[in-house]
């Protein structure tokens, strides 16, 4: 199952008059890079949250933030009156230094200032309960995020499989065209040699001609590259259906697809095959763009 590396999830709970919210966002990243932000007084939750993230996500840049706000009258004890008074004093002092300035202080906005709503010191028992509750909502947020990543992953998978179908169509064209290239080269070479020796009254050495055709056929043979293209396509389809994260594996297969496409173009001087090579590389680039968003 393919999962996108882009997603969003959130969950909340209430504990002793305080509402806690966990918000998780994930974006593309070559490796797993979790970034957990919690209030200073809840820093002991960082490790547990990061460990939970690692259980659900294996690749991507993940930002997780924990916020809390007062949810009831009982939570008024969490407001640091001394901090509020200190902010008011400093604001009034700053305003008094500017002559004629008019100002209005909204106490509600002071609640967002650092230190104003610092919670009371947690006891060991309360800290354990809070840890459990934050872990539960973190898991809920991660499940919501995962659901979004799976939904987007289905869209990415559908596009990748569609591109694989386009590559299969091109390989059929290559299979049909490759033998004709040899035959046409044989005809052109024989005609050219006959024209050159016609005036000299010489006979064409068929053995030499056959040897030249054989050398060209070996140099222009793309059957092995076509076979590997088909094999890589099957590997992509299998990887898209596996339960394990397949982003890195798909990225490697795309590199191999591009290599085969490039080799096909370099081996042939036939316009049709060269065109197929260019089309293949364009499709592979489109697949690679999608793969960059896969976990």
Protein backbone atom coordinates (compact mmCIF):
# COMPACT_ATOMS: atom_id res chain seq x y z
CA UNK A 1 0.00 0.00 0.00
CA UNK A 2 1.49 3.31 -1.07
CA UNK A 3 1.30 6.21 1.36
CA UNK A 4 1.90 9.82 0.52
CA UNK A 5 4.37 11.67 2.70
CA UNK A 6 2.00 14.64 2.87
CA UNK A 7 -0.69 14.64 5.52
CA UNK A 8 -2.35 16.37 8.45
CA UNK A 9 -3.93 15.14 11.66
CA UNK A 10 -5.16 16.64 14.93
CA UNK A 11 -6.84 15.52 18.15
CA UNK A 12 -7.75 17.08 21.50
CA UNK A 13 -8.60 16.17 25.08
CA UNK A 14 -9.38 17.93 28.37
CA UNK A 15 -7.62 17.34 31.69
CA UNK A 16 -8.36 19.23 34.87
CA UNK A 17 -9.87 22.26 33.16
CA UNK A 18 -7.23 22.54 30.48
CA UNK A 19 -7.78 21.67 26.81
CA UNK A 20 -4.80 19.98 25.10
CA UNK A 21 -4.44 19.76 21.31
CA UNK A 22 -1.91 17.78 19.29
CA UNK A 23 -1.42 18.85 15.66
CA UNK A 24 0.76 16.85 13.26
CA UNK A 25 1.83 17.79 9.74
CA UNK A 26 4.05 15.80 7.39
CA UNK A 27 5.72 16.72 4.11
CA UNK A 28 8.26 15.18 1.74
CA UNK A 29 11.63 14.18 3.12
CA UNK A 30 14.33 11.75 2.15
CA UNK A 31 14.50 10.35 5.67
CA UNK A 32 12.32 10.48 8.78
CA UNK A 33 12.81 13.84 10.47
CA UNK A 34 10.42 14.37 13.41
CA UNK A 35 10.23 17.80 15.03
CA UNK A 36 8.24 17.94 18.29
CA UNK A 37 7.29 21.26 19.91
CA UNK A 38 5.71 21.36 23.37
CA UNK A 39 5.32 24.10 26.01
CA UNK A 40 8.34 24.41 28.29
CA UNK A 41 6.51 22.96 31.29
CA UNK A 42 5.50 19.87 29.28
CA UNK A 43 8.90 19.08 27.80
CA UNK A 44 8.86 15.65 29.45
CA UNK A 45 6.31 14.59 26.80
CA UNK A 46 8.69 15.13 23.85
CA UNK A 47 10.34 11.70 23.86
CA UNK A 48 7.05 9.80 24.12
CA UNK A 49 5.49 11.79 21.27
CA UNK A 50 8.55 11.27 19.06
CA UNK A 51 8.53 7.51 19.74
CA UNK A 52 4.85 7.33 18.74
CA UNK A 53 5.62 9.19 15.50
CA UNK A 54 8.33 6.64 14.65
CA UNK A 55 5.83 3.79 15.04
CA UNK A 56 3.49 5.27 12.43
CA UNK A 57 5.84 7.02 10.01
CA UNK A 58 9.08 5.83 8.42
CA UNK A 59 9.87 8.65 5.99
CA UNK A 60 9.19 12.36 5.70
CA UNK A 61 9.57 15.60 7.63
CA UNK A 62 7.06 15.55 10.48
CA UNK A 63 6.12 18.58 12.57
CA UNK A 64 4.18 17.92 15.77
CA UNK A 65 3.00 20.62 18.15
CA UNK A 66 1.25 20.36 21.51
CA UNK A 67 -0.79 23.34 22.73
CA UNK A 68 -3.02 23.90 25.68
CA UNK A 69 -5.55 26.55 26.71
CA UNK A 70 -7.88 27.19 29.62
CA UNK A 71 -11.13 25.30 29.24
CA UNK A 72 -13.09 26.09 32.43
CA UNK A 73 -13.41 28.41 35.40
CA UNK A 74 -11.45 25.95 37.50
CA UNK A 75 -8.47 26.63 35.28
CA UNK A 76 -8.27 30.27 36.45
CA UNK A 77 -5.69 29.16 38.98
CA UNK A 78 -3.32 28.56 36.07
CA UNK A 79 -3.16 32.30 35.29
CA UNK A 80 0.00 33.83 36.68
CA UNK A 81 -1.27 37.11 38.16
CA UNK A 82 2.24 38.33 38.87
CA UNK A 83 3.23 37.81 35.23
CA UNK A 84 0.15 39.72 34.05
CA UNK A 85 0.95 42.62 36.38
CA UNK A 86 4.53 42.63 35.17
CA UNK A 87 3.45 42.85 31.52
CA UNK A 88 0.99 45.67 32.33
CA UNK A 89 3.65 47.65 34.16
CA UNK A 90 6.12 47.35 31.28
CA UNK A 91 3.49 48.23 28.66
CA UNK A 92 2.39 51.33 30.59
CA UNK A 93 6.03 52.36 31.12
CA UNK A 94 6.76 51.99 27.41
CA UNK A 95 3.65 54.00 26.48
CA UNK A 96 4.53 56.80 28.92
CA UNK A 97 7.77 57.42 27.08
CA UNK A 98 5.93 58.44 23.92
CA UNK A 99 4.18 61.78 24.34
CA UNK A 100 0.53 61.89 23.31
CA UNK A 101 0.21 58.19 22.51
CA UNK A 102 -3.16 56.55 23.04
CA UNK A 103 -3.31 52.88 23.87
CA UNK A 104 -5.61 50.14 25.10
CA UNK A 105 -4.46 46.92 26.71
CA UNK A 106 -6.61 43.83 26.13
CA UNK A 107 -6.12 41.44 29.01
CA UNK A 108 -7.39 38.48 26.98
CA UNK A 109 -4.47 38.83 24.58
CA UNK A 110 -2.03 38.77 27.47
CA UNK A 111 -3.01 35.13 28.06
CA UNK A 112 -0.90 34.21 25.01
CA UNK A 113 2.20 35.88 26.43
CA UNK A 114 4.95 33.58 27.77
CA UNK A 115 4.55 32.73 31.45
CA UNK A 116 1.02 34.09 31.86
CA UNK A 117 -0.76 30.75 31.73
CA UNK A 118 1.99 28.57 33.13
CA UNK A 119 0.38 25.54 34.70
CA UNK A 120 0.86 24.62 38.31
CA UNK A 121 3.58 22.11 39.03
CA UNK A 122 2.43 18.59 38.20
CA UNK A 123 2.63 15.87 40.76
CA UNK A 124 4.08 12.53 39.70
CA UNK A 125 0.62 10.91 39.55
CA UNK A 126 -0.87 13.77 37.51
CA UNK A 127 2.12 13.69 35.17
CA UNK A 128 1.51 9.98 34.48
CA UNK A 129 -2.17 10.58 33.76
CA UNK A 130 -1.35 13.52 31.50
CA UNK A 131 1.27 11.46 29.67
CA UNK A 132 -1.34 8.78 29.00
CA UNK A 133 -3.91 11.29 27.75
CA UNK A 134 -1.42 13.09 25.49
CA UNK A 135 -0.26 9.72 24.13
CA UNK A 136 -3.86 8.81 23.30
CA UNK A 137 -4.60 12.01 21.40
CA UNK A 138 -1.21 11.78 19.67
CA UNK A 139 -2.14 8.32 18.42
CA UNK A 140 -5.53 9.68 17.25
CA UNK A 141 -3.81 12.52 15.41
CA UNK A 142 -1.37 10.07 13.81
CA UNK A 143 -4.24 7.82 12.70
CA UNK A 144 -5.99 10.82 11.11
CA UNK A 145 -2.77 11.81 9.40
CA UNK A 146 -2.21 8.23 8.19
CA UNK A 147 -5.73 8.07 6.76
CA UNK A 148 -5.00 11.20 4.71
CA UNK A 149 -1.65 9.81 3.58
CA UNK A 150 -3.30 6.55 2.49
CA UNK A 151 -6.03 8.39 0.56
CA UNK A 152 -3.48 10.51 -1.29
CA UNK A 153 -1.32 7.43 -1.78
CA UNK A 154 -4.14 5.74 -3.71
CA UNK A 155 -4.22 8.68 -6.11
CA UNK A 156 -0.44 8.55 -6.55
CA UNK A 157 -0.56 4.78 -7.14
CA UNK A 158 -3.26 5.15 -9.80
CA UNK A 159 -1.15 7.70 -11.67
CA UNK A 160 2.01 5.56 -11.45
CA UNK A 161 0.18 2.46 -12.72
CA UNK A 162 -1.26 4.53 -15.57
CA UNK A 163 2.26 5.68 -16.53
CA UNK A 164 3.44 2.08 -16.44
CA UNK A 165 0.73 1.27 -18.98
CA UNK A 166 2.12 4.00 -21.24
CA UNK A 167 5.60 2.50 -20.99
CA UNK A 168 4.20 -0.96 -21.86
CA UNK A 169 2.61 0.52 -24.99
CA UNK A 170 5.95 2.01 -26.03
CA UNK A 171 7.76 -1.30 -25.49
CA UNK A 172 5.30 -2.94 -27.90
CA UNK A 173 6.16 -0.32 -30.50
CA UNK A 174 9.85 -1.00 -29.92
CA UNK A 175 9.37 -4.74 -30.33
CA UNK A 176 7.64 -4.15 -33.66
CA UNK A 177 10.10 -1.55 -34.90
CA UNK A 178 13.47 -3.11 -33.89
CA UNK A 179 13.53 -5.97 -36.49
CA UNK A 180 12.48 -3.58 -39.26
CA UNK A 181 15.48 -1.36 -38.52
CA UNK A 182 17.86 -4.23 -39.31
CA UNK A 183 16.03 -5.12 -42.52
CA UNK A 184 16.00 -1.51 -43.68
CA UNK A 185 19.71 -1.14 -42.93
CA UNK A 186 20.40 -4.31 -44.92
CA UNK A 187 18.49 -2.95 -47.92
CA UNK A 188 20.12 0.49 -47.75
CA UNK A 189 23.63 -0.90 -47.37
CA UNK A 190 23.25 -3.38 -50.23
CA UNK A 191 21.85 -0.70 -52.51
CA UNK A 192 24.63 1.73 -51.66
CA UNK A 193 27.39 -0.85 -52.23
CA UNK A 194 25.89 -1.96 -55.55
CA UNK A 195 25.79 1.64 -56.74
CA UNK A 196 29.43 2.15 -55.76
CA UNK A 197 30.75 -0.97 -57.51
CA UNK A 198 28.45 -0.82 -60.52
CA UNK A 199 30.78 1.29 -62.57
CA UNK A 200 33.82 -0.69 -61.47
CA UNK A 201 32.40 -3.98 -62.78
CA UNK A 202 32.98 -5.72 -59.46
CA UNK A 203 30.84 -8.32 -57.73
CA UNK A 204 29.35 -7.80 -54.29
CA UNK A 205 30.90 -10.01 -51.63
CA UNK A 206 27.80 -11.35 -49.86
CA UNK A 207 29.85 -12.70 -46.97
CA UNK A 208 31.29 -9.29 -46.25
CA UNK A 209 27.83 -7.76 -46.51
CA UNK A 210 26.38 -10.32 -44.10
CA UNK A 211 29.20 -9.69 -41.65
CA UNK A 212 28.58 -5.94 -41.76
CA UNK A 213 24.86 -6.46 -41.16
CA UNK A 214 25.60 -8.76 -38.25
CA UNK A 215 27.87 -6.13 -36.65
CA UNK A 216 25.17 -3.48 -37.03
CA UNK A 217 22.48 -5.80 -35.69
CA UNK A 218 24.55 -6.55 -32.60
CA UNK A 219 25.33 -2.90 -32.00
CA UNK A 220 21.71 -1.81 -32.45
CA UNK A 221 20.11 -4.71 -30.59
CA UNK A 222 17.77 -3.33 -27.89
CA UNK A 223 15.93 -6.53 -27.03
CA UNK A 224 17.73 -6.80 -23.68
CA UNK A 225 16.85 -3.24 -22.76
CA UNK A 226 13.20 -3.79 -23.71
CA UNK A 227 13.09 -6.93 -21.60
CA UNK A 228 14.49 -5.06 -18.61
CA UNK A 229 11.96 -2.28 -19.11
CA UNK A 230 9.15 -4.82 -18.86
CA UNK A 231 10.75 -6.37 -15.78
CA UNK A 232 11.04 -2.97 -14.06
CA UNK A 233 7.41 -2.21 -14.82
CA UNK A 234 6.35 -5.42 -13.11
CA UNK A 235 8.56 -4.55 -10.13
CA UNK A 236 6.85 -1.17 -9.84
CA UNK A 237 3.40 -2.78 -9.85
CA UNK A 238 4.45 -5.31 -7.22
CA UNK A 239 5.99 -2.62 -5.03
CA UNK A 240 2.83 -0.52 -5.24
CA UNK A 241 0.84 -3.45 -3.87
CA UNK A 242 3.16 -4.32 -0.99
CA UNK A 243 2.28 -3.46 2.60
CA UNK A 244 5.77 -2.13 3.35
CA UNK A 245 6.80 1.46 2.47
CA UNK A 246 8.13 1.41 -1.08
CA UNK A 247 9.28 4.95 -1.80
CA UNK A 248 13.02 4.27 -1.80
CA UNK A 249 12.61 1.08 -3.83
CA UNK A 250 10.47 2.87 -6.41
CA UNK A 251 13.04 5.65 -6.64
CA UNK A 252 15.76 3.09 -7.43
CA UNK A 253 13.59 1.38 -10.08
CA UNK A 254 12.97 4.76 -11.72
CA UNK A 255 16.73 5.25 -12.02
CA UNK A 256 16.99 1.88 -13.77
CA UNK A 257 14.09 2.73 -16.09
CA UNK A 258 15.77 5.96 -17.09
CA UNK A 259 19.05 4.14 -17.72
CA UNK A 260 17.41 1.62 -20.03
CA UNK A 261 15.54 4.37 -21.86
CA UNK A 262 18.77 6.30 -22.37
CA UNK A 263 20.62 3.20 -23.62
CA UNK A 264 17.89 2.49 -26.17
CA UNK A 265 18.25 6.00 -27.55
CA UNK A 266 22.04 5.81 -27.74
CA UNK A 267 22.06 2.43 -29.50
CA UNK A 268 19.77 3.33 -32.36
CA UNK A 269 19.99 5.89 -35.14
CA UNK A 270 16.42 5.15 -36.17
CA UNK A 271 14.09 8.20 -35.82
CA UNK A 272 11.16 6.13 -34.55
CA UNK A 273 13.18 4.38 -31.85
CA UNK A 274 14.80 7.68 -30.86
CA UNK A 275 11.34 9.16 -30.49
CA UNK A 276 10.31 6.23 -28.28
CA UNK A 277 13.39 6.79 -26.14
CA UNK A 278 12.48 10.44 -25.57
CA UNK A 279 8.89 9.51 -24.72
CA UNK A 280 10.11 6.89 -22.26
CA UNK A 281 12.35 9.36 -20.44
CA UNK A 282 9.52 11.89 -20.18
CA UNK A 283 7.21 9.27 -18.66
CA UNK A 284 9.87 8.06 -16.25
CA UNK A 285 10.41 11.64 -15.08
CA UNK A 286 6.69 11.95 -14.37
CA UNK A 287 6.75 8.70 -12.37
CA UNK A 288 9.79 9.91 -10.47
CA UNK A 289 8.00 13.14 -9.54
CA UNK A 290 5.20 11.09 -8.01
CA UNK A 291 7.61 8.75 -6.26
CA UNK A 292 9.22 11.71 -4.48
CA UNK A 293 5.97 12.02 -2.50
CA UNK A 294 5.77 8.33 -1.51
CA UNK A 295 6.78 7.07 1.91
